[in-house]
Protein backbone atom coordinates (compact mmCIF):
# COMPACT_ATOMS: atom_id res chain seq x y z
CA MET A 1 10.76 50.24 31.82
CA MET A 2 11.67 50.10 28.11
CA PHE A 3 14.31 47.47 28.92
CA VAL A 4 11.69 45.23 30.61
CA ILE A 5 9.34 45.56 27.61
CA CYS A 6 12.15 44.60 25.22
CA ILE A 7 13.06 41.55 27.33
CA PHE A 8 9.39 40.48 27.42
CA ALA A 9 9.07 40.86 23.64
CA TYR A 10 12.24 38.84 23.05
CA LEU A 11 11.12 36.02 25.33
CA SER A 12 7.73 35.88 23.61
CA PHE A 13 9.40 35.65 20.19
CA ALA A 14 11.84 33.00 21.38
CA SER A 15 9.04 30.93 22.87
CA SER A 16 7.04 31.03 19.63
CA PHE A 17 10.11 30.13 17.55
CA LEU A 18 11.01 27.15 19.75
CA THR A 19 7.41 25.92 19.65
CA LEU A 20 7.53 25.99 15.84
CA LEU A 21 10.72 23.93 15.80
CA SER A 22 9.62 21.44 18.44
CA PRO A 23 9.25 17.88 17.12
CA LEU A 24 6.20 17.55 19.37
CA SER A 25 4.35 20.32 17.55
CA PRO A 26 1.24 19.45 15.51
CA PRO A 27 1.98 18.64 11.84
CA LEU A 28 2.66 21.67 9.68
CA ARG A 29 1.03 20.02 6.64
CA THR A 30 -2.48 18.79 7.41
CA ALA A 31 -5.28 17.40 5.33
CA SER A 32 -7.35 20.57 5.63
CA LYS A 33 -4.96 22.27 3.19
CA LEU A 34 -5.73 19.70 0.50
CA LYS A 35 -8.66 19.57 -1.88
CA SER A 36 -10.79 16.56 -2.75
CA THR A 37 -14.25 15.46 -3.76
CA ASN A 38 -14.81 13.98 -0.29
CA GLU A 39 -14.94 17.31 1.51
CA ALA A 40 -17.65 17.88 4.09
CA ASP A 41 -17.81 21.14 6.07
CA GLY A 42 -14.25 21.92 4.96
CA ASN A 43 -12.88 18.64 6.31
CA ILE A 44 -11.98 15.50 4.41
CA THR A 45 -13.56 12.33 5.70
CA LEU A 46 -13.15 8.65 5.03
CA THR A 47 -16.01 6.67 3.59
CA ARG A 48 -16.85 3.26 5.04
CA ASN A 49 -14.78 1.54 2.36
CA ASP A 50 -11.82 3.86 2.87
CA LYS A 51 -11.65 3.01 6.56
CA ILE A 52 -11.18 -0.71 6.07
CA ASN A 53 -7.70 -2.20 5.69
CA TYR A 54 -5.87 1.14 5.40
CA SER A 55 -4.02 0.24 8.60
CA GLU A 56 -2.19 -2.55 6.77
CA PHE A 57 -1.40 -0.25 3.86
CA LEU A 58 -0.02 2.44 6.21
CA SER A 59 2.13 -0.13 7.99
CA HIS A 60 3.74 -1.31 4.73
CA ALA A 61 4.07 2.19 3.26
CA VAL A 62 5.57 3.81 6.37
CA GLN A 63 8.19 1.10 6.81
CA ALA A 64 9.11 1.12 3.12
CA HIS A 65 9.33 4.92 3.11
CA LEU A 66 11.62 5.07 6.14
CA ASP A 67 13.86 2.29 4.81
CA GLN A 68 14.13 3.93 1.38
CA GLU A 69 14.45 7.51 2.65
CA TRP A 70 17.14 6.71 5.22
CA THR A 71 18.50 3.19 5.60
CA TYR A 72 17.14 -0.07 6.93
CA GLN A 73 16.66 -0.04 10.70
CA SER A 74 14.67 -2.47 12.84
CA CYS A 75 12.93 0.46 14.56
CA HIS A 76 11.20 1.33 11.28
CA ALA A 77 9.14 -1.86 11.49
CA ASP A 78 8.26 -1.03 15.11
CA ILE A 79 7.13 2.47 14.12
CA ALA A 80 5.08 1.11 11.22
CA ARG A 81 3.31 -1.40 13.48
CA GLU A 82 2.54 1.33 16.00
CA VAL A 83 1.11 3.56 13.25
CA SER A 84 -1.15 0.70 12.18
CA LYS A 85 -2.24 0.10 15.76
CA ILE A 86 -3.02 3.78 16.40
CA TYR A 87 -4.91 4.06 13.12
CA GLU A 88 -7.04 0.99 13.85
CA ASN A 89 -7.96 2.30 17.30
CA SER A 90 -8.73 5.80 16.04
CA VAL A 91 -10.68 4.88 12.91
CA GLU A 92 -13.24 2.92 14.96
CA THR A 93 -14.83 6.23 15.96
CA GLU A 94 -13.16 8.84 13.74
CA THR A 95 -13.47 9.52 9.99
CA ASP A 96 -11.94 13.01 9.69
CA ILE A 97 -8.44 12.69 8.22
CA ASN A 98 -7.20 15.78 10.09
CA LYS A 99 -8.11 14.16 13.37
CA LEU A 100 -6.73 10.77 12.34
CA VAL A 101 -3.40 12.38 11.51
CA MET A 102 -3.43 14.23 14.83
CA ASP A 103 -4.13 10.95 16.62
CA ILE A 104 -1.19 9.28 14.86
CA GLY A 105 1.15 12.14 15.74
CA SER A 106 -0.03 12.34 19.34
CA GLY A 107 0.14 8.58 19.75
CA LEU A 108 3.70 8.43 18.44
CA GLU A 109 4.83 11.16 20.85
CA GLY A 110 4.70 8.64 23.67
CA PHE A 111 6.23 5.84 21.60
CA ASP A 112 9.92 4.91 21.62
CA MET A 113 11.07 5.78 18.09
CA GLY A 114 14.40 4.02 18.64
CA ASP A 115 17.24 5.25 16.45
CA ALA A 116 14.96 6.64 13.75
CA PHE A 117 15.98 9.92 12.14
CA VAL A 118 12.39 11.18 12.17
CA GLY A 119 10.00 12.41 14.83
CA ALA A 120 6.39 11.59 15.60
CA TRP A 121 4.95 14.38 13.49
CA ASP A 122 7.22 13.66 10.53
CA VAL A 123 5.62 10.21 10.38
CA ALA A 124 2.12 11.66 10.88
CA ASN A 125 2.63 14.03 7.93
CA VAL A 126 3.78 11.14 5.76
CA CYS A 127 0.66 9.15 6.76
CA SER A 128 -1.51 12.08 5.69
CA ASP A 129 0.12 12.17 2.25
CA PHE A 130 -0.10 8.39 1.84
CA LEU A 131 -3.78 8.27 2.80
CA PHE A 132 -4.63 10.93 0.24
CA LYS A 133 -2.68 9.27 -2.52
CA ARG A 134 -4.16 5.89 -1.69
CA MET A 135 -7.63 7.40 -1.96
CA GLY A 136 -6.76 9.03 -5.29
CA LEU A 137 -7.24 12.55 -3.92
CA GLU A 138 -5.39 15.75 -4.78
CA THR A 139 -2.23 16.52 -2.80
CA THR A 140 0.27 19.36 -2.70
CA ALA A 141 3.36 19.46 -4.89
CA CYS A 142 5.62 18.92 -1.88
CA SER A 143 3.74 15.87 -0.58
CA THR A 144 5.64 12.65 0.06
CA LYS A 145 5.59 10.13 -2.78
CA LEU A 146 4.57 6.56 -2.15
CA PRO A 147 7.61 4.29 -1.78
CA ASN A 148 8.75 2.11 -4.66
CA GLY A 149 6.90 -1.19 -4.70
CA ILE A 150 3.80 0.05 -2.86
CA ALA A 151 0.97 -0.43 -5.34
CA ARG A 152 -2.21 1.64 -5.14
CA PHE A 153 -5.86 0.54 -5.11
CA GLY A 154 -7.73 1.55 -8.24
CA GLU A 155 -4.78 3.37 -9.82
CA ILE A 156 -3.87 0.87 -12.53
CA ASN A 157 -3.67 2.71 -15.85
CA PHE A 158 -4.98 0.12 -18.30
CA ASN A 159 -4.51 2.51 -21.23
CA SER A 160 -0.82 3.12 -20.53
CA SER A 161 1.83 1.92 -22.94
CA ASP A 162 3.40 -0.09 -20.11
CA PHE A 163 0.21 -2.06 -19.57
CA LYS A 164 -0.23 -2.68 -23.29
CA ASP A 165 3.36 -3.90 -23.45
CA ILE A 166 2.58 -6.41 -20.68
CA PHE A 167 -0.26 -7.85 -22.76
CA ALA A 168 1.94 -7.99 -25.85
CA ASP A 169 4.54 -9.94 -23.88
CA LEU A 170 1.96 -12.56 -22.86
CA ASN A 171 0.90 -13.58 -26.36
CA SER A 172 2.29 -17.13 -26.23
CA ASN A 173 2.46 -20.06 -23.82
CA PHE A 174 6.25 -19.73 -23.59
CA ASN A 175 6.04 -16.00 -22.78
CA ARG A 176 3.42 -16.58 -20.11
CA TYR A 177 5.56 -19.34 -18.60
CA ASN A 178 8.57 -17.04 -18.61
CA TRP A 179 6.51 -14.21 -17.08
CA LEU A 180 5.47 -16.41 -14.16
CA SER A 181 9.12 -17.31 -13.61
CA ARG A 182 10.01 -13.61 -13.49
CA VAL A 183 7.20 -12.98 -11.01
CA LEU A 184 8.89 -15.38 -8.59
CA SER A 185 12.34 -13.87 -9.15
CA ARG A 186 10.92 -10.37 -8.45
CA GLU A 187 11.68 -9.13 -11.95
CA VAL A 188 7.98 -8.22 -12.31
CA GLU A 189 6.68 -5.37 -10.14
CA TRP A 190 3.48 -5.69 -8.15
CA ASP A 191 1.73 -3.05 -10.26
CA ALA A 192 2.05 -5.35 -13.29
CA ILE A 193 1.04 -8.43 -11.26
CA ASN A 194 -2.04 -6.67 -9.89
CA SER A 195 -2.97 -5.52 -13.40
CA ILE A 196 -2.89 -9.05 -14.82
CA MET A 197 -4.72 -10.42 -11.77
CA ALA A 198 -7.46 -7.81 -12.12
CA ILE A 199 -8.16 -8.86 -15.71
CA ASN A 200 -8.12 -12.57 -14.77
CA LEU A 201 -10.57 -11.92 -11.92
CA GLY A 202 -13.06 -10.44 -14.37
CA TYR A 203 -12.41 -6.71 -14.16
CA LYS A 204 -12.92 -5.15 -17.59
CA VAL A 205 -11.71 -1.87 -19.01
CA VAL A 206 -14.19 0.66 -20.38
CA ASP A 207 -12.93 1.39 -23.91
CA GLY A 208 -10.92 4.58 -24.20
CA THR A 209 -11.12 5.47 -20.52
CA GLY A 210 -8.96 3.05 -18.56
CA ILE A 211 -11.82 2.84 -16.04
CA LEU A 212 -12.49 -0.57 -14.51
CA CYS A 213 -15.92 -2.17 -14.80
CA HIS A 214 -16.63 -4.93 -12.29
CA SER A 215 -19.92 -6.30 -13.57
CA SER A 216 -18.26 -9.67 -14.32
CA VAL A 217 -16.38 -9.90 -11.03
CA ASP A 218 -17.38 -12.40 -8.33
CA GLU A 219 -19.28 -10.64 -5.56
CA LYS A 220 -16.83 -11.71 -2.86
CA TRP A 221 -14.12 -9.53 -4.41
CA LEU A 222 -16.44 -6.53 -4.30
CA GLN A 223 -17.27 -7.13 -0.63
CA ARG A 224 -13.68 -6.81 0.58
CA GLY A 225 -14.48 -3.34 1.91
CA ILE A 226 -11.97 -1.68 -0.43
CA ALA A 227 -12.75 0.15 -3.64
CA GLY A 228 -10.93 -0.84 -6.81
CA SER A 229 -9.19 -3.99 -7.92
CA PRO A 230 -7.21 -6.01 -5.34
CA ASP A 231 -3.68 -5.10 -4.31
CA PHE A 232 -2.11 -8.47 -3.56
CA GLN A 233 1.10 -6.96 -2.26
CA VAL A 234 -0.42 -5.36 0.83
CA GLU A 235 -4.08 -6.39 1.06
CA GLN A 236 -4.32 -9.40 3.36
CA LYS A 237 -8.03 -10.02 2.75
CA ALA A 238 -7.44 -10.27 -1.01
CA MET A 239 -4.64 -12.77 -0.48
CA GLU A 240 -6.84 -14.86 1.80
CA LEU A 241 -9.60 -14.93 -0.84
CA LEU A 242 -7.08 -15.96 -3.48
CA SER A 243 -5.72 -18.75 -1.27
CA ASP A 244 -9.25 -20.01 -0.62
CA GLU A 245 -9.81 -20.34 -4.38
CA LEU A 246 -6.84 -22.65 -4.86
CA PRO A 247 -7.80 -26.29 -5.53
CA SER A 248 -7.84 -28.27 -2.29
CA HIS A 249 -7.37 -31.81 -3.64
CA PRO A 250 -3.96 -33.22 -2.60
CA ASP A 251 -3.07 -34.08 -6.20
CA ASP A 252 -3.81 -30.51 -7.30
CA GLN A 253 -1.83 -29.14 -4.37
CA ASP A 254 1.16 -31.30 -5.34
CA SER A 255 0.85 -30.21 -8.97
CA MET A 256 0.90 -26.50 -8.06
CA GLU A 257 3.82 -26.95 -5.68
CA HIS A 258 5.75 -28.90 -8.33
CA PHE A 259 5.09 -26.17 -10.88
CA VAL A 260 6.50 -23.45 -8.59
CA GLU A 261 9.56 -25.58 -7.84
CA MET A 262 10.05 -26.19 -11.55
CA LEU A 263 9.95 -22.44 -12.21
CA PHE A 264 12.21 -21.37 -9.38
CA GLY A 265 14.00 -24.41 -7.98
CA LYS A 266 13.11 -26.33 -4.84
CA ASP A 267 16.14 -25.26 -2.81
CA MET A 268 15.90 -21.61 -3.88
CA LYS A 269 12.21 -21.60 -3.01
CA LYS A 270 12.99 -22.72 0.54
CA VAL A 271 15.72 -20.08 0.89
CA GLU A 272 13.37 -17.31 -0.25
CA GLU A 273 10.53 -18.44 2.01
CA GLU A 274 12.82 -18.31 5.05
CA GLY A 275 14.56 -15.09 4.01
CA GLU A 276 14.02 -11.49 5.04
CA ASN A 277 11.43 -10.94 2.28
CA GLY A 278 9.74 -14.28 2.78
CA ASP A 279 6.25 -12.80 3.06
CA ASP A 280 6.57 -11.11 -0.32
CA PHE A 281 7.81 -14.32 -1.92
CA VAL A 282 4.97 -16.38 -0.42
CA ARG A 283 2.46 -13.89 -1.85
CA ARG A 284 4.06 -14.23 -5.26
CA CYS A 285 3.91 -18.02 -5.00
CA ILE A 286 0.18 -17.92 -4.24
CA VAL A 287 -0.44 -15.67 -7.25
CA VAL A 288 1.56 -17.99 -9.52
CA LYS A 289 -0.27 -21.08 -8.19
CA TRP A 290 -3.63 -19.41 -8.75
CA LEU A 291 -2.79 -18.41 -12.32
CA TYR A 292 -1.47 -21.91 -13.04
CA ALA A 293 -4.56 -23.57 -11.54
CA PHE A 294 -6.86 -21.35 -13.62
CA ASP A 295 -5.08 -22.20 -16.88
CA PHE A 296 -3.14 -18.96 -17.37
CA LEU A 297 -0.55 -20.81 -19.48
CA ASN A 298 -3.14 -21.72 -22.09
CA LYS A 299 -5.34 -18.62 -21.92
CA PRO A 300 -3.87 -15.16 -22.43
CA PRO A 301 -5.56 -12.41 -20.34
CA SER A 302 -8.20 -10.55 -22.34
């Protein structure tokens, strides 16, 4: 009898242990363990603004994270697209981050992850961390950091020494011309580009705080459905608005195109546009054209 009891106890322990290790188990790190100002009944929920366009951010961030954490694999892009798709479907009716993360994990369980070195719930946990950091909420010390090159809405530190150095570097026509050239050659990170764009769009800094005031910003930029200044690296709506503001006259179009080719070279421009990072380069070109069209060379940002 004692032998049977021991066997039963061992099997119960083994079953629990295997369940814990299973890649199909629910995420071990969920949003309910994190603190924020958006808590309601112990759960953390998305506001209306938070819900919009985060699918695109997750897609970029997940792919960049997997590529940087492991090595480039085509399956990472497939996983990132599936995460975006699951999120978009779920967020139509759901605002609780716990449940959104569960939906992402559950949805990826039935998805072919290819040769990826991660499982469905590894990706779901990463999405949880990224959502919280994107929203500017508190996370745990062991949470996953946003990948290099993924800028964050509303997290530009306009009082930082780095930002002040950017302004100091743009104090002459020649320096601004050189800066635009470095934007195209990817020597300037998107955080710096977004900072300069925010100031040129009319966002102002409250003295001594680094907080953005948008009283001088065109209403269309405030109606994007996303809080904070635009992130032109990942926010498609912002890039569309910027493109719409470019002069439409053929002569102006030719002038902007000629300026970009003068900065970067006509042949090199074509190579970059058709290359693996063509989308990033095209976004940089649109930013440079916009700044050129709105007289950035003759007017330092202020």
